[in-house]
């Protein structure tokens, strides 16, 4: 079985994965309710207004790191002959920590003060939000894993 890089990052899949990740982000933001949801939606709107195209660009820049951090979960699921989504759902906290470590590192280096401020404001609740996204992430991985090799 190919590794996650060979599934998600091949030239034939990468643009589709980026687009699907963008949809995933939009769906997650749209699903947020209450006061926290308002803050998430407002911060997301600020980010999109400050730099149109930021979301797909950020996904593209971070995708390799995300895939590398998700690889151990993929490999463990394969070794156990278990669906990757089920394994990731059971370890949602670990998946969230792995992914947030990347964005934390990048946010610390961000030069745009507005974007950094928006990230810092949302970060305390970030793990909860990423954990909520884990089922969608698992489904996205499963979609590409079941599709077979992509054409370049």
Protein backbone atom coordinates (compact mmCIF):
# COMPACT_ATOMS: atom_id res chain seq x y z
CA UNK A 1 0.00 0.00 0.00
CA UNK A 2 1.41 3.42 -0.89
CA UNK A 3 2.22 5.91 1.83
CA UNK A 4 0.17 9.05 2.32
CA UNK A 5 2.60 11.21 0.36
CA UNK A 6 2.24 8.89 -2.63
CA UNK A 7 -1.53 9.18 -2.38
CA UNK A 8 -2.14 12.84 -1.65
CA UNK A 9 0.87 14.75 -2.97
CA UNK A 10 1.31 13.30 -6.44
CA UNK A 11 0.88 15.94 -9.17
CA UNK A 12 -2.44 14.47 -10.34
CA UNK A 13 -3.96 14.65 -6.85
CA UNK A 14 -2.33 17.63 -5.16
CA UNK A 15 -4.51 20.35 -6.77
CA UNK A 16 -7.65 18.33 -6.03
CA UNK A 17 -6.54 17.72 -2.43
CA UNK A 18 -5.91 21.46 -1.97
CA UNK A 19 -9.39 22.26 -3.33
CA UNK A 20 -10.98 19.59 -1.12
CA UNK A 21 -9.09 20.89 1.92
CA UNK A 22 -10.36 24.39 1.12
CA UNK A 23 -13.92 23.04 1.06
CA UNK A 24 -13.24 21.23 4.32
CA UNK A 25 -12.09 24.48 5.95
CA UNK A 26 -15.16 26.34 4.64
CA UNK A 27 -17.48 23.58 5.90
CA UNK A 28 -15.83 23.59 9.32
CA UNK A 29 -16.10 27.37 9.64
CA UNK A 30 -19.72 27.32 8.47
CA UNK A 31 -20.57 24.61 11.02
CA UNK A 32 -19.46 26.68 14.00
CA UNK A 33 -22.20 28.09 16.19
CA UNK A 34 -22.55 30.26 19.27
CA UNK A 35 -20.18 33.01 20.34
CA UNK A 36 -17.11 30.95 19.50
CA UNK A 37 -18.56 30.33 16.07
CA UNK A 38 -19.06 34.03 15.54
CA UNK A 39 -15.43 34.66 16.48
CA UNK A 40 -14.21 31.91 14.15
CA UNK A 41 -16.35 33.19 11.28
CA UNK A 42 -15.25 36.79 11.89
CA UNK A 43 -11.57 35.87 12.02
CA UNK A 44 -11.93 33.77 8.87
CA UNK A 45 -13.61 36.68 7.09
CA UNK A 46 -10.76 38.99 8.16
CA UNK A 47 -8.15 36.56 6.86
CA UNK A 48 -9.95 36.22 3.52
CA UNK A 49 -10.39 39.99 3.24
CA UNK A 50 -6.78 40.82 4.13
CA UNK A 51 -5.42 38.40 1.58
CA UNK A 52 -7.81 36.91 -0.96
CA UNK A 53 -6.63 33.46 -1.95
CA UNK A 54 -4.90 33.05 1.41
CA UNK A 55 -6.69 29.82 2.31
CA UNK A 56 -5.72 27.74 -0.76
CA UNK A 57 -2.24 29.28 -0.70
CA UNK A 58 -1.81 28.39 2.98
CA UNK A 59 -3.09 24.88 2.37
CA UNK A 60 -0.65 24.42 -0.50
CA UNK A 61 2.27 25.67 1.62
CA UNK A 62 1.34 23.53 4.60
CA UNK A 63 0.08 20.41 2.84
CA UNK A 64 3.43 18.59 2.80
CA UNK A 65 3.85 19.18 6.53
CA UNK A 66 0.27 18.10 7.24
CA UNK A 67 0.69 14.92 5.23
CA UNK A 68 3.99 14.15 7.01
CA UNK A 69 2.31 14.62 10.40
CA UNK A 70 -0.64 12.43 9.38
CA UNK A 71 1.56 9.68 7.92
CA UNK A 72 2.02 7.84 11.25
CA UNK A 73 -1.77 7.63 11.67
CA UNK A 74 -2.12 6.34 8.11
CA UNK A 75 0.66 3.78 8.60
CA UNK A 76 -0.84 2.60 11.88
CA UNK A 77 -4.27 2.20 10.28
CA UNK A 78 -2.72 0.21 7.44
CA UNK A 79 -0.76 -2.00 9.85
CA UNK A 80 -3.95 -2.69 11.82
CA UNK A 81 -6.02 -3.15 8.65
CA UNK A 82 -8.35 -0.51 10.06
CA UNK A 83 -10.04 2.36 8.21
CA UNK A 84 -7.91 5.47 8.61
CA UNK A 85 -10.95 7.57 9.53
CA UNK A 86 -11.88 5.31 12.42
CA UNK A 87 -8.33 5.31 13.76
CA UNK A 88 -8.03 9.09 13.45
CA UNK A 89 -11.42 9.63 15.09
CA UNK A 90 -10.30 7.50 18.04
CA UNK A 91 -7.13 9.60 18.30
CA UNK A 92 -8.63 12.99 17.45
CA UNK A 93 -6.65 14.75 20.19
CA UNK A 94 -3.35 13.38 18.92
CA UNK A 95 -4.24 14.26 15.32
CA UNK A 96 -5.16 17.80 16.39
CA UNK A 97 -1.90 18.22 18.32
CA UNK A 98 0.12 16.99 15.33
CA UNK A 99 -1.57 19.42 12.93
CA UNK A 100 -1.62 22.39 15.29
CA UNK A 101 2.11 22.08 15.93
CA UNK A 102 2.63 23.02 12.29
CA UNK A 103 0.36 26.05 12.31
CA UNK A 104 1.77 27.18 15.67
CA UNK A 105 5.29 27.16 14.23
CA UNK A 106 4.19 29.05 11.15
CA UNK A 107 2.10 31.59 13.06
CA UNK A 108 5.08 32.35 15.28
CA UNK A 109 7.05 33.27 12.15
CA UNK A 110 4.23 35.20 10.41
CA UNK A 111 5.11 38.70 9.30
CA UNK A 112 1.50 39.87 8.85
CA UNK A 113 0.45 41.19 12.26
CA UNK A 114 -3.28 41.06 11.45
CA UNK A 115 -3.13 37.39 10.51
CA UNK A 116 -0.96 36.58 13.53
CA UNK A 117 -3.38 38.41 15.83
CA UNK A 118 -6.35 36.51 14.38
CA UNK A 119 -4.52 33.20 14.86
CA UNK A 120 -3.48 34.07 18.42
CA UNK A 121 -7.06 34.99 19.28
CA UNK A 122 -8.42 31.66 18.04
CA UNK A 123 -5.58 29.38 19.13
CA UNK A 124 -6.85 28.72 22.67
CA UNK A 125 -9.86 26.91 21.20
CA UNK A 126 -7.96 25.57 18.20
CA UNK A 127 -7.58 22.01 19.43
CA UNK A 128 -11.34 21.67 19.92
CA UNK A 129 -11.95 22.95 16.38
CA UNK A 130 -9.31 20.71 14.79
CA UNK A 131 -10.64 17.70 16.71
CA UNK A 132 -14.08 18.49 15.29
CA UNK A 133 -12.57 18.47 11.79
CA UNK A 134 -10.87 15.07 12.18
CA UNK A 135 -13.82 13.07 10.76
CA UNK A 136 -13.78 15.22 7.62
CA UNK A 137 -9.99 14.86 7.36
CA UNK A 138 -10.31 11.09 7.67
CA UNK A 139 -12.97 11.01 4.93
CA UNK A 140 -10.79 13.16 2.67
CA UNK A 141 -7.84 10.78 3.08
CA UNK A 142 -10.07 7.74 2.55
CA UNK A 143 -11.48 9.30 -0.63
CA UNK A 144 -8.04 9.56 -2.24
CA UNK A 145 -6.79 6.25 -0.84
CA UNK A 146 -9.73 4.40 -2.36
CA UNK A 147 -9.41 6.17 -5.72
CA UNK A 148 -6.14 4.47 -6.61
CA UNK A 149 -3.14 6.11 -8.28
CA UNK A 150 -3.63 9.53 -9.84
CA UNK A 151 -2.57 10.44 -13.32
CA UNK A 152 0.22 13.07 -13.37
